[in-house]
C-alpha atoms as a PDB file:
ATOM      1  CA  MET A   1      20.022  -5.110 -35.140  1.00  0.00           C
ATOM      2  CA  ALA A   2      21.673  -8.080 -33.670  1.00  0.00           C
ATOM      3  CA  GLU A   3      23.554  -5.947 -31.057  1.00  0.00           C
ATOM      4  CA  GLN A   4      20.439  -4.250 -29.674  1.00  0.00           C
ATOM      5  CA  ALA A   5      18.707  -7.946 -29.166  1.00  0.00           C
ATOM      6  CA  SER A   6      21.845  -9.411 -27.411  1.00  0.00           C
ATOM      7  CA  ASP A   7      21.746  -5.807 -24.820  1.00  0.00           C
ATOM      8  CA  TYR A   8      18.508  -7.170 -23.101  1.00  0.00           C
ATOM      9  CA  HIS A   9      19.339  -9.137 -20.103  1.00  0.00           C
ATOM     10  CA  ARG A  10      15.854 -10.588 -18.477  1.00  0.00           C
ATOM     11  CA  GLY A  11      15.583  -9.955 -15.224  1.00  0.00           C
ATOM     12  CA  ASP A  12      18.207  -7.452 -14.357  1.00  0.00           C
ATOM     13  CA  MET A  13      15.987  -4.143 -13.695  1.00  0.00           C
ATOM     14  CA  GLU A  14      15.335  -3.519  -9.850  1.00  0.00           C
ATOM     15  CA  ILE A  15      11.657  -3.762  -9.225  1.00  0.00           C
ATOM     16  CA  ASP A  16      11.475  -2.942  -5.754  1.00  0.00           C
ATOM     17  CA  GLU A  17       9.465   0.349  -6.197  1.00  0.00           C
ATOM     18  CA  GLN A  18       7.219  -1.563  -8.283  1.00  0.00           C
ATOM     19  CA  VAL A  19       6.461  -4.384  -5.867  1.00  0.00           C
ATOM     20  CA  ALA A  20       5.921  -1.767  -2.994  1.00  0.00           C
ATOM     21  CA  THR A  21       3.197   0.013  -5.239  1.00  0.00           C
ATOM     22  CA  TYR A  22       1.521  -3.211  -5.945  1.00  0.00           C
ATOM     23  CA  ASN A  23       1.563  -4.183  -2.404  1.00  0.00           C
ATOM     24  CA  VAL A  24       0.121  -0.647  -1.220  1.00  0.00           C
ATOM     25  CA  MET A  25      -2.391  -0.537  -3.693  1.00  0.00           C
ATOM     26  CA  MET A  26      -3.451  -4.266  -2.928  1.00  0.00           C
ATOM     27  CA  GLY A  27      -3.737  -3.353   0.863  1.00  0.00           C
ATOM     28  CA  LEU A  28      -5.770   0.118  -0.140  1.00  0.00           C
ATOM     29  CA  THR A  29      -8.273  -1.889  -2.195  1.00  0.00           C
ATOM     30  CA  LYS A  30      -8.704  -4.847   0.135  1.00  0.00           C
ATOM     31  CA  TRP A  31      -9.007  -2.703   3.382  1.00  0.00           C
ATOM     32  CA  GLY A  32     -10.772   0.286   1.332  1.00  0.00           C
ATOM     33  CA  SER A  33     -13.594  -2.619   0.268  1.00  0.00           C
ATOM     34  CA  LEU A  34     -14.102  -3.876   3.582  1.00  0.00           C
ATOM     35  CA  ALA A  35     -14.559  -0.012   5.069  1.00  0.00           C
ATOM     36  CA  VAL A  36     -17.246   0.601   1.579  1.00  0.00           C
ATOM     37  CA  ALA A  37     -19.276  -2.866   2.593  1.00  0.00           C
ATOM     38  CA  ALA A  38     -19.419  -2.069   6.146  1.00  0.00           C
ATOM     39  CA  LEU A  39     -20.845   1.610   5.698  1.00  0.00           C
ATOM     40  CA  VAL A  40     -23.341   0.098   2.701  1.00  0.00           C
ATOM     41  CA  LEU A  41     -24.068  -2.816   5.381  1.00  0.00           C
ATOM     42  CA  MET A  42     -24.869   0.147   8.302  1.00  0.00           C
ATOM     43  CA  LEU A  43     -27.019   2.428   6.437  1.00  0.00           C
ATOM     44  CA  THR A  44     -29.197  -0.309   4.849  1.00  0.00           C
ATOM     45  CA  LEU A  45     -29.691  -1.660   8.380  1.00  0.00           C
ATOM     46  CA  TRP A  46     -30.372   2.018   9.755  1.00  0.00           C
ATOM     47  CA  PHE A  47     -32.517   3.234   7.133  1.00  0.00           C
ATOM     48  CA  CYS A  48     -34.412   0.135   5.669  1.00  0.00           C
ATOM     49  CA  THR A  49     -35.225  -2.081   8.670  1.00  0.00           C
ATOM     50  CA  ASP A  50     -36.372  -1.604  12.027  1.00  0.00           C
ATOM     51  CA  SER A  51     -33.284  -2.136  13.727  1.00  0.00           C
ATOM     52  CA  GLY A  52     -32.431   1.667  14.508  1.00  0.00           C
ATOM     53  CA  PHE A  53     -28.904   3.197  14.541  1.00  0.00           C
ATOM     54  CA  LEU A  54     -27.684   1.150  17.351  1.00  0.00           C
ATOM     55  CA  GLY A  55     -28.479  -2.226  15.722  1.00  0.00           C
ATOM     56  CA  ALA A  56     -26.986  -0.828  12.494  1.00  0.00           C
ATOM     57  CA  VAL A  57     -23.818   0.211  14.236  1.00  0.00           C
ATOM     58  CA  VAL A  58     -23.590  -3.303  16.254  1.00  0.00           C
ATOM     59  CA  GLY A  59     -24.132  -5.121  12.662  1.00  0.00           C
ATOM     60  CA  ALA A  60     -21.517  -2.772  10.941  1.00  0.00           C
ATOM     61  CA  GLY A  61     -19.198  -3.239  13.644  1.00  0.00           C
ATOM     62  CA  ALA A  62     -19.511  -7.313  13.953  1.00  0.00           C
ATOM     63  CA  PHE A  63     -19.152  -7.060  10.224  1.00  0.00           C
ATOM     64  CA  THR A  64     -16.048  -5.211  10.254  1.00  0.00           C
ATOM     65  CA  VAL A  65     -14.624  -7.405  12.856  1.00  0.00           C
ATOM     66  CA  ILE A  66     -15.213 -10.679  11.040  1.00  0.00           C
ATOM     67  CA  GLY A  67     -13.922  -9.081   7.658  1.00  0.00           C
ATOM     68  CA  PHE A  68     -10.782  -8.205   9.467  1.00  0.00           C
ATOM     69  CA  PHE A  69      -9.605 -11.541  10.830  1.00  0.00           C
ATOM     70  CA  PHE A  70     -10.539 -13.109   7.295  1.00  0.00           C
ATOM     71  CA  LEU A  71      -8.551 -10.303   5.406  1.00  0.00           C
ATOM     72  CA  ARG A  72      -5.531 -10.063   7.418  1.00  0.00           C
ATOM     73  CA  THR A  73      -2.284 -11.435   6.046  1.00  0.00           C
ATOM     74  CA  LYS A  74      -1.567 -14.769   7.223  1.00  0.00           C
ATOM     75  CA  LYS A  75       2.283 -15.303   8.362  1.00  0.00           C
ATOM     76  CA  SER A  76       3.916 -17.723   5.955  1.00  0.00           C
ATOM     77  CA  VAL A  77       4.593 -21.311   7.226  1.00  0.00           C
ATOM     78  CA  HIS A  78       7.985 -21.646   5.282  1.00  0.00           C
END
């Protein structure tokens, strides 16, 4: 049993695929959430207010542009 415990070496496993999968999922979650929020905003403005279709598209477009600038990946300072 002592030999099995010594066979484990912490940090030796390659995790490049896991890191890539994590980054893809985080990106899909981030941008997908923005798309869903913009769609909900557009449908709410279109059907629940007097702004009409054009007002809803303009409002959702402005929300999407602002959201894009807040959610984009910032360059590292280091």
